[in-house]
Amino acid sequence: MLWLCILLPRFALEASAGGPPQAAQAALETLALWALQWSSQVSVRPADATGSALLWLEIGASRQLFGPLFGHDDALCERIAASLAPLGFSHRMGLAPTPQGAALLARADCPPHAAAATTPSQLQQRLAPLPLGLLALPRQHIAALEGAGLRRIGELLALPMAAIAQRFGPDTSLYLRRLRGEAQEPLRMVQPPCRFASRCEFASPVASTTALLFPLQRLLAGLQGYLRSLDRAIQRYTLVLEHHRQAATRLTIGLARPGRDAAQFQALARERLAALVLPAPVDALRVEAPELLQPLVLQTDLFSHEARQLEQLQQVLDRLAARLGATDVHTLRSAADHRPERAWGMAAAPLAGAQAAPATARPVMPARPCWLLREPQRIAMPRELLAGPERIESGWWDGADIARDYYLAREASGAQLWVFHDLRGGGWHVHGLWA
């Protein structure tokens, strides 16, 4: 096994910002959910008297999924550090075959290459020159060891464990054995809940929606880790703004398709919050996502980016709907009518809850221009006809009967026009343009 320890030296202060003690505990639970996206084995140690907390991740098994630990831009440890940085927690990292070894290397605050040991022998080498004061032992034991002339951890580990147990008690020798990997260390692993609900309580009421974005970023990072750990996605989540002695403000934020990316969740929430007028200051912020769905995997190949472009288009639609309102975003749709001016219409964009239409084979259709004139305009007979005629006769049942022969024509400037000859009223008209 290979343990990554993330030391959070100022966690109590950075998590609660002067708020109640339970705020730091809630933040640690959210951070543990964030970590589950990197490993199925995550353990935490709450903040101690110094305000520092520890987060352990077993990442030895994660290398098959995420790639090597070091050596290139996509290295696992670098990705974890880059994902943690925007959350605003001071941190140091250590990597070792034992949890206590990883924690000690993190406390040592060494350069990255010196804070990583992937084998027991390498861990022994990394620990040997470090001072005794880094050990998680009582201060009186450290003072007694230094009084005996010991200064480095390697000097202590060279002594017989039986002698150390006799002098300082079995707990000290057990700690040193676990440090070297000679004894197992039981850790309580984090279990993801059945339903996601994460809450952040503020030290003082927040009167600006902009000030909600940073704590929201932490909550959504926990949501992303939770979803990835379960290989699930969501198509909507609820943002709850709690007020003092007043009903909470609830915002349901939807996506066009199931997703699990915290940056996308944050962008949509930013749009909704920008247009929101708070009825009262916010005492706490909560994110709820009870409905879990299968993630939608977009298949791409080496020569096409259509799937990625479709995903980007859906994200744009999501942001427009979040800013303008779901009922104010529309897309074009086709209508079952042969008359060109009635063969299309506006429909609500496929936002949260909409199901994608199944793919069907499309019949071969004649070429149509994307730009139709609002009303066909009378013109002289074109001199050059490139294609046609295509006869369209329709509408006798609703009083808007047409009978036309459509052609592709070219005018003197070189522009291509979609023109028709009116078989009922006579004359030529231009109906559409090509660029």
Protein backbone atom coordinates (compact mmCIF):
# COMPACT_ATOMS: atom_id res chain seq x y z
CA MET A 1 0.00 0.00 0.00
CA LEU A 2 1.03 3.57 -0.58
CA TRP A 3 -0.37 6.39 1.51
CA LEU A 4 -0.59 10.05 0.62
CA CYS A 5 -0.98 12.25 3.68
CA ILE A 6 -2.28 15.80 3.26
CA LEU A 7 -1.43 17.90 6.29
CA LEU A 8 -3.71 20.92 6.77
CA PRO A 9 -1.76 23.01 9.33
CA ARG A 10 -4.32 25.84 9.57
CA PHE A 11 -7.46 23.89 8.90
CA ALA A 12 -9.48 24.96 11.96
CA LEU A 13 -9.00 28.63 11.08
CA GLU A 14 -9.36 28.31 7.31
CA ALA A 15 -12.39 26.03 7.47
CA SER A 16 -14.52 27.97 9.95
CA ALA A 17 -13.13 31.54 9.77
CA GLY A 18 -14.10 32.11 13.38
CA GLY A 19 -17.39 30.24 13.13
CA PRO A 20 -18.68 27.52 15.46
CA PRO A 21 -16.55 24.38 16.00
CA GLN A 22 -19.02 22.23 14.07
CA ALA A 23 -18.26 24.32 10.97
CA ALA A 24 -14.73 22.89 10.85
CA GLN A 25 -16.03 19.36 11.27
CA ALA A 26 -18.52 19.86 8.43
CA ALA A 27 -15.75 21.25 6.23
CA LEU A 28 -13.56 18.22 6.97
CA GLU A 29 -16.39 15.87 5.99
CA THR A 30 -16.83 17.76 2.71
CA LEU A 31 -13.08 17.60 2.07
CA ALA A 32 -13.14 13.86 2.70
CA LEU A 33 -15.82 13.48 0.04
CA TRP A 34 -13.64 15.52 -2.33
CA ALA A 35 -10.79 13.07 -1.71
CA LEU A 36 -12.92 10.03 -2.60
CA GLN A 37 -12.55 10.85 -6.29
CA TRP A 38 -8.87 9.90 -6.01
CA SER A 39 -9.11 6.83 -3.78
CA SER A 40 -11.72 4.51 -2.32
CA GLN A 41 -9.76 4.44 0.95
CA VAL A 42 -9.79 7.82 2.66
CA SER A 43 -9.32 8.52 6.36
CA VAL A 44 -9.31 11.78 8.28
CA ARG A 45 -8.03 13.00 11.63
CA PRO A 46 -9.94 16.02 12.94
CA ALA A 47 -8.15 19.21 13.89
CA ASP A 48 -6.12 18.90 17.08
CA ALA A 49 -5.21 21.54 19.67
CA THR A 50 -2.91 23.25 17.15
CA GLY A 51 -5.73 23.52 14.59
CA SER A 52 -4.11 21.13 12.09
CA ALA A 53 -5.93 18.20 10.50
CA LEU A 54 -4.76 15.17 8.52
CA LEU A 55 -6.21 13.51 5.43
CA TRP A 56 -4.94 10.12 4.30
CA LEU A 57 -5.51 8.60 0.84
CA GLU A 58 -4.36 5.15 -0.20
CA ILE A 59 -3.25 5.84 -3.77
CA GLY A 60 -1.21 2.74 -4.55
CA ALA A 61 -4.22 1.17 -6.27
CA SER A 62 -5.11 4.46 -7.99
CA ARG A 63 -2.09 4.43 -10.26
CA GLN A 64 -3.77 2.05 -12.72
CA LEU A 65 -6.61 4.56 -13.14
CA PHE A 66 -4.81 7.90 -12.95
CA GLY A 67 -1.32 7.00 -14.12
CA PRO A 68 2.14 7.36 -12.53
CA LEU A 69 2.68 9.27 -9.30
CA PHE A 70 5.40 11.58 -10.60
CA GLY A 71 7.30 12.45 -13.70
CA HIS A 72 4.96 14.39 -15.99
CA ASP A 73 2.24 17.05 -15.96
CA ASP A 74 -0.51 14.48 -15.49
CA ALA A 75 1.10 12.81 -12.48
CA LEU A 76 -1.36 11.74 -9.81
CA CYS A 77 0.13 13.67 -6.88
CA GLU A 78 0.35 16.82 -8.99
CA ARG A 79 -3.29 16.47 -10.03
CA ILE A 80 -4.41 16.06 -6.43
CA ALA A 81 -2.44 19.13 -5.35
CA ALA A 82 -3.80 21.18 -8.26
CA SER A 83 -7.37 20.14 -7.39
CA LEU A 84 -6.89 21.09 -3.74
CA ALA A 85 -5.27 24.49 -4.33
CA PRO A 86 -8.44 26.42 -5.38
CA LEU A 87 -10.20 25.36 -2.17
CA GLY A 88 -8.02 27.71 -0.17
CA PHE A 89 -6.54 25.31 2.39
CA SER A 90 -2.87 25.57 3.34
CA HIS A 91 -1.43 22.11 2.94
CA ARG A 92 1.68 19.98 2.80
CA MET A 93 1.92 16.47 1.39
CA GLY A 94 3.88 13.35 2.20
CA LEU A 95 3.96 9.95 0.51
CA ALA A 96 5.04 6.72 2.19
CA PRO A 97 4.19 3.00 2.51
CA THR A 98 2.74 3.68 6.01
CA PRO A 99 0.20 6.28 7.15
CA GLN A 100 2.41 7.52 9.99
CA GLY A 101 5.41 7.70 7.67
CA ALA A 102 3.46 9.80 5.19
CA ALA A 103 2.25 12.09 8.00
CA LEU A 104 5.78 12.56 9.31
CA LEU A 105 7.15 13.44 5.86
CA ALA A 106 4.32 15.95 5.46
CA ARG A 107 5.18 17.57 8.79
CA ALA A 108 8.84 17.75 7.78
CA ASP A 109 7.94 20.24 5.02
CA CYS A 110 10.62 18.87 2.71
CA PRO A 111 10.85 19.48 -1.04
CA PRO A 112 8.46 17.24 -3.00
CA HIS A 113 11.13 14.69 -3.97
CA ALA A 114 12.29 14.38 -0.34
CA ALA A 115 8.73 14.10 1.02
CA ALA A 116 8.03 10.95 -1.02
CA ALA A 117 9.10 7.40 -0.26
CA THR A 118 7.59 4.52 -2.22
CA THR A 119 9.37 1.60 -0.50
CA PRO A 120 10.14 0.75 3.16
CA SER A 121 13.90 1.11 2.59
CA GLN A 122 13.41 4.49 0.94
CA LEU A 123 11.23 5.56 3.87
CA GLN A 124 13.98 4.55 6.27
CA GLN A 125 16.41 6.76 4.36
CA ARG A 126 14.02 9.71 4.33
CA LEU A 127 13.35 9.45 8.06
CA ALA A 128 16.92 8.98 9.24
CA PRO A 129 18.14 12.63 9.09
CA LEU A 130 14.92 14.22 10.38
CA PRO A 131 14.83 15.71 13.92
CA LEU A 132 13.09 13.89 16.75
CA GLY A 133 10.71 16.79 17.28
CA LEU A 134 8.70 15.74 14.21
CA LEU A 135 7.59 12.48 15.84
CA ALA A 136 4.00 12.31 17.10
CA LEU A 137 5.16 11.52 20.64
CA PRO A 138 4.53 13.32 23.95
CA ARG A 139 6.82 16.28 24.49
CA GLN A 140 8.27 14.76 27.67
CA HIS A 141 9.33 11.67 25.71
CA ILE A 142 11.04 13.83 23.08
CA ALA A 143 12.82 15.78 25.82
CA ALA A 144 13.98 12.57 27.50
CA LEU A 145 15.34 11.18 24.23
CA GLU A 146 17.19 14.41 23.50
CA GLY A 147 18.51 14.35 27.05
CA ALA A 148 19.96 10.93 26.30
CA GLY A 149 21.91 12.40 23.38
CA LEU A 150 19.61 11.42 20.52
CA ARG A 151 18.95 14.05 17.87
CA ARG A 152 17.77 12.26 14.72
CA ILE A 153 14.97 9.81 14.03
CA GLY A 154 17.41 7.35 12.48
CA GLU A 155 19.28 7.15 15.79
CA LEU A 156 16.07 6.29 17.64
CA LEU A 157 14.96 3.67 15.11
CA ALA A 158 18.32 1.92 15.46
CA LEU A 159 17.59 1.14 19.13
CA PRO A 160 15.88 -2.14 20.17
CA MET A 161 12.11 -1.75 20.33
CA ALA A 162 12.00 -3.77 23.56
CA ALA A 163 14.23 -1.23 25.29
CA ILE A 164 12.11 1.67 24.03
CA ALA A 165 8.93 -0.06 25.26
CA GLN A 166 10.47 -0.67 28.67
CA ARG A 167 11.60 2.96 29.01
CA PHE A 168 8.67 4.84 27.42
CA GLY A 169 5.82 2.34 27.38
CA PRO A 170 4.27 0.08 24.72
CA ASP A 171 2.45 2.94 22.99
CA THR A 172 5.73 4.56 21.94
CA SER A 173 7.21 1.35 20.54
CA LEU A 174 3.91 0.57 18.76
CA TYR A 175 3.96 4.02 17.14
CA LEU A 176 7.53 3.49 15.91
CA ARG A 177 6.69 0.03 14.57
CA ARG A 178 3.73 1.45 12.67
CA LEU A 179 5.96 4.21 11.41
CA ARG A 180 8.30 1.66 9.84
CA GLY A 181 5.49 -0.66 8.66
CA GLU A 182 6.21 -3.46 11.14
CA ALA A 183 2.73 -3.19 12.64
CA GLN A 184 -0.62 -2.48 11.00
CA GLU A 185 -2.41 0.74 11.78
CA PRO A 186 -6.22 0.54 11.81
CA LEU A 187 -7.79 3.57 10.18
CA ARG A 188 -11.46 4.39 10.03
CA MET A 189 -12.34 4.86 6.35
CA VAL A 190 -14.79 7.43 5.06
CA GLN A 191 -18.01 5.98 3.66
CA PRO A 192 -19.98 8.08 1.14
CA PRO A 193 -23.57 8.72 2.28
CA CYS A 194 -26.59 7.47 0.36
CA ARG A 195 -27.65 11.05 -0.41
CA PHE A 196 -25.48 14.12 -0.77
CA ALA A 197 -26.17 17.09 1.49
CA SER A 198 -23.34 19.39 2.55
CA ARG A 199 -23.62 22.53 4.67
CA CYS A 200 -21.42 25.52 5.45
CA GLU A 201 -22.27 27.76 8.43
CA PHE A 202 -20.89 31.30 8.50
CA ALA A 203 -19.37 33.11 11.47
CA SER A 204 -21.45 36.20 10.66
CA PRO A 205 -24.35 36.75 8.22
CA VAL A 206 -23.38 37.23 4.58
CA ALA A 207 -25.21 40.01 2.75
CA SER A 208 -23.64 39.62 -0.71
CA THR A 209 -24.18 36.80 -3.18
CA THR A 210 -20.61 37.27 -4.42
CA ALA A 211 -19.31 36.32 -0.97
CA LEU A 212 -21.15 33.00 -1.26
CA LEU A 213 -19.15 31.81 -4.26
CA PHE A 214 -16.00 30.73 -2.41
CA PRO A 215 -17.71 28.59 0.26
CA LEU A 216 -19.93 27.23 -2.49
CA GLN A 217 -16.81 26.19 -4.42
CA ARG A 218 -15.76 23.99 -1.48
CA LEU A 219 -19.19 22.38 -1.22
CA LEU A 220 -19.30 21.65 -4.95
CA ALA A 221 -15.80 20.16 -4.84
CA GLY A 222 -17.15 17.71 -2.28
CA LEU A 223 -20.10 16.98 -4.56
CA GLN A 224 -17.76 16.26 -7.48
CA GLY A 225 -15.68 13.85 -5.41
CA TYR A 226 -18.80 12.16 -4.09
CA LEU A 227 -20.21 11.63 -7.60
CA ARG A 228 -16.96 10.37 -9.05
CA SER A 229 -16.43 7.95 -6.20
CA LEU A 230 -19.83 6.37 -6.94
CA ASP A 231 -19.49 6.75 -10.73
CA ARG A 232 -22.70 8.76 -10.77
CA ALA A 233 -23.86 12.13 -12.09
CA ILE A 234 -26.65 14.62 -11.46
CA GLN A 235 -28.89 16.68 -13.71
CA ARG A 236 -29.94 19.15 -11.04
CA TYR A 237 -28.96 20.22 -7.56
CA THR A 238 -30.51 22.55 -5.02
CA LEU A 239 -28.74 25.50 -3.46
CA VAL A 240 -30.29 26.41 -0.09
CA LEU A 241 -29.58 29.82 1.47
CA GLU A 242 -30.55 29.82 5.15
CA HIS A 243 -31.70 33.05 6.81
CA HIS A 244 -32.29 33.98 10.46
CA ARG A 245 -35.96 33.57 11.40
CA GLN A 246 -37.02 33.54 7.78
CA ALA A 247 -37.77 30.86 5.20
CA ALA A 248 -34.74 29.63 3.31
CA THR A 249 -34.14 30.66 -0.28
CA ARG A 250 -33.99 27.60 -2.54
CA LEU A 251 -32.48 27.66 -6.02
CA THR A 252 -32.75 24.58 -8.22
CA ILE A 253 -29.94 24.58 -10.77
CA GLY A 254 -30.33 22.27 -13.75
CA LEU A 255 -28.08 20.90 -16.47
CA ALA A 256 -28.94 19.90 -20.01
CA ARG A 257 -27.38 16.48 -19.46
CA PRO A 258 -26.10 14.56 -16.42
CA GLY A 259 -22.75 15.88 -15.22
CA ARG A 260 -20.35 15.80 -12.28
CA ASP A 261 -17.90 18.62 -12.90
CA ALA A 262 -17.65 21.12 -10.04
CA ALA A 263 -16.51 23.92 -12.36
CA GLN A 264 -19.68 23.53 -14.43
CA PHE A 265 -21.84 23.48 -11.28
CA GLN A 266 -20.09 26.62 -10.05
CA ALA A 267 -20.54 28.49 -13.34
CA LEU A 268 -24.28 27.85 -13.34
CA ALA A 269 -24.64 28.85 -9.69
CA ARG A 270 -22.72 32.07 -10.37
CA GLU A 271 -25.21 33.05 -13.06
CA ARG A 272 -28.19 32.38 -10.80
CA LEU A 273 -26.70 34.19 -7.82
CA ALA A 274 -25.77 37.23 -9.93
CA ALA A 275 -29.45 37.83 -10.68
CA LEU A 276 -30.66 37.07 -7.14
CA VAL A 277 -31.70 39.78 -4.68
CA LEU A 278 -31.24 38.37 -1.18
CA PRO A 279 -34.35 38.78 0.98
CA ALA A 280 -32.14 38.69 4.08
CA PRO A 281 -28.49 38.01 5.01
CA VAL A 282 -27.39 34.38 4.70
CA ASP A 283 -26.42 32.48 7.85
CA ALA A 284 -25.57 29.15 6.20
CA LEU A 285 -25.26 27.61 2.77
CA ARG A 286 -26.35 24.11 1.85
CA VAL A 287 -26.07 21.99 -1.30
CA GLU A 288 -28.44 19.07 -1.84
CA ALA A 289 -28.31 16.53 -4.68
CA PRO A 290 -30.64 13.62 -3.88
CA GLU A 291 -31.14 12.30 -7.43
CA LEU A 292 -28.20 10.31 -8.79
CA LEU A 293 -28.04 9.28 -12.44
CA GLN A 294 -25.75 7.31 -14.69
CA PRO A 295 -23.04 9.54 -16.17
CA LEU A 296 -23.35 10.36 -19.84
CA VAL A 297 -20.14 9.30 -21.59
CA LEU A 298 -19.39 11.06 -24.88
CA GLN A 299 -17.57 8.90 -27.36
CA THR A 300 -15.00 10.59 -29.59
CA ASP A 301 -12.52 9.37 -32.17
CA LEU A 302 -9.19 10.57 -33.46
CA PHE A 303 -10.68 12.57 -36.33
CA SER A 304 -13.83 14.15 -34.91
CA HIS A 305 -14.57 16.65 -32.17
CA GLU A 306 -18.34 16.61 -32.63
CA ALA A 307 -19.01 15.09 -29.20
CA ARG A 308 -16.86 17.70 -27.46
CA GLN A 309 -18.50 20.51 -29.42
CA LEU A 310 -21.94 19.20 -28.48
CA GLU A 311 -20.96 19.14 -24.82
CA GLN A 312 -19.70 22.73 -25.03
CA LEU A 313 -22.95 23.81 -26.70
CA GLN A 314 -24.98 22.21 -23.93
CA GLN A 315 -22.89 24.05 -21.33
CA VAL A 316 -23.58 27.34 -23.09
CA LEU A 317 -27.31 26.57 -23.05
CA ASP A 318 -27.10 25.75 -19.34
CA ARG A 319 -25.43 29.08 -18.57
CA LEU A 320 -27.92 31.04 -20.66
CA ALA A 321 -30.81 29.33 -18.90
CA ALA A 322 -29.25 30.03 -15.50
CA ARG A 323 -28.83 33.72 -16.37
CA LEU A 324 -32.05 34.40 -18.36
CA GLY A 325 -34.39 31.72 -17.06
CA ALA A 326 -35.24 28.33 -18.48
CA THR A 327 -38.36 29.65 -20.25
CA ASP A 328 -36.40 32.35 -22.11
CA VAL A 329 -33.96 30.07 -23.96
CA HIS A 330 -35.20 28.55 -27.21
CA THR A 331 -33.82 26.58 -30.10
CA LEU A 332 -35.01 26.02 -33.65
CA ARG A 333 -37.13 22.98 -34.40
CA SER A 334 -38.45 21.53 -37.62
CA ALA A 335 -42.17 21.26 -38.35
CA ALA A 336 -44.02 18.76 -40.53
CA ASP A 337 -44.93 21.20 -43.28
CA HIS A 338 -43.69 21.39 -46.87
CA ARG A 339 -44.05 25.17 -47.04
CA PRO A 340 -40.57 26.58 -46.26
CA GLU A 341 -41.82 29.51 -44.17
CA ARG A 342 -43.79 27.10 -41.96
CA ALA A 343 -41.29 24.23 -41.83
CA TRP A 344 -39.56 25.54 -38.72
CA GLY A 345 -40.40 27.11 -35.36
CA MET A 346 -39.07 27.93 -31.91
CA ALA A 347 -39.03 25.45 -29.04
CA ALA A 348 -37.71 25.55 -25.48
CA ALA A 349 -34.09 24.48 -25.26
CA PRO A 350 -33.54 20.96 -23.83
CA LEU A 351 -32.58 21.88 -20.29
CA ALA A 352 -32.72 20.00 -17.00
CA GLY A 353 -34.98 16.99 -17.04
CA ALA A 354 -35.27 16.80 -20.81
CA GLN A 355 -34.53 13.52 -22.47
CA ALA A 356 -32.50 13.50 -25.64
CA ALA A 357 -34.37 12.32 -28.69
CA PRO A 358 -33.21 8.95 -30.00
CA ALA A 359 -30.96 9.07 -33.00
CA THR A 360 -32.74 8.11 -36.21
CA ALA A 361 -31.62 7.92 -39.79
CA ARG A 362 -32.42 11.17 -41.60
CA PRO A 363 -33.83 11.09 -45.12
CA VAL A 364 -31.93 12.79 -47.90
CA MET A 365 -33.37 16.29 -48.24
CA PRO A 366 -32.90 18.97 -50.92
CA ALA A 367 -30.45 21.76 -50.14
CA ARG A 368 -31.97 24.60 -48.11
CA PRO A 369 -30.47 27.99 -47.23
CA CYS A 370 -30.14 28.85 -43.54
CA TRP A 371 -31.34 32.40 -44.17
CA LEU A 372 -34.95 32.77 -45.27
CA LEU A 373 -36.43 36.21 -45.90
CA ARG A 374 -39.33 37.20 -43.70
CA GLU A 375 -41.44 37.67 -46.85
CA PRO A 376 -40.46 36.54 -50.37
CA GLN A 377 -39.40 39.53 -52.52
CA ARG A 378 -40.41 40.00 -56.16
CA ILE A 379 -37.47 39.94 -58.61
CA ALA A 380 -36.88 39.71 -62.33
CA MET A 381 -36.30 36.28 -63.77
CA PRO A 382 -32.74 35.19 -62.88
CA ARG A 383 -30.31 34.90 -65.76
CA GLU A 384 -28.49 31.86 -64.37
CA LEU A 385 -30.27 28.88 -62.80
CA LEU A 386 -27.90 26.34 -61.22
CA ALA A 387 -30.34 23.66 -60.04
CA GLY A 388 -34.05 22.90 -60.01
CA PRO A 389 -36.89 22.94 -60.33
CA GLU A 390 -38.21 21.56 -57.03
CA ARG A 391 -41.99 21.82 -56.99
CA ILE A 392 -43.78 22.52 -53.69
CA GLU A 393 -47.57 22.45 -53.62
CA SER A 394 -49.21 22.52 -50.22
CA GLY A 395 -51.59 24.32 -47.85
CA TRP A 396 -54.92 23.95 -49.59
CA TRP A 397 -56.55 22.79 -46.35
CA ASP A 398 -55.80 25.96 -44.31
CA GLY A 399 -56.31 28.72 -46.86
CA ALA A 400 -52.56 29.34 -47.40
CA ASP A 401 -52.23 27.33 -50.60
CA ILE A 402 -48.96 27.63 -52.54
CA ALA A 403 -47.72 26.20 -55.82
CA ARG A 404 -44.09 27.04 -56.56
CA ASP A 405 -41.09 25.81 -58.52
CA TYR A 406 -37.89 26.47 -56.52
CA TYR A 407 -34.46 26.94 -58.14
CA LEU A 408 -30.90 27.60 -57.05
CA ALA A 409 -29.84 30.76 -58.88
CA ARG A 410 -26.73 32.93 -59.07
CA GLU A 411 -26.92 36.71 -59.34
CA ALA A 412 -24.40 38.97 -61.06
CA SER A 413 -22.38 39.54 -57.84
CA GLY A 414 -21.87 35.78 -57.47
CA ALA A 415 -24.25 35.32 -54.52
CA GLN A 416 -26.41 32.21 -54.59
CA LEU A 417 -30.15 32.71 -54.17
CA TRP A 418 -33.05 30.40 -53.48
CA VAL A 419 -35.77 31.59 -55.85
CA PHE A 420 -39.13 30.32 -56.98
CA HIS A 421 -41.54 30.84 -59.80
CA ASP A 422 -45.09 31.31 -58.53
CA LEU A 423 -47.32 28.91 -60.51
CA ARG A 424 -50.52 30.58 -59.31
CA GLY A 425 -49.82 34.30 -59.37
CA GLY A 426 -46.92 34.31 -61.82
CA GLY A 427 -43.64 36.12 -61.36
CA TRP A 428 -40.33 35.30 -59.73
CA HIS A 429 -39.40 35.75 -56.06
CA VAL A 430 -36.32 35.36 -53.92
CA HIS A 431 -37.00 33.42 -50.72
CA GLY A 432 -33.58 32.59 -49.24
CA LEU A 433 -29.87 33.41 -49.40
CA TRP A 434 -26.65 31.46 -49.18
CA ALA A 435 -23.49 33.16 -47.96
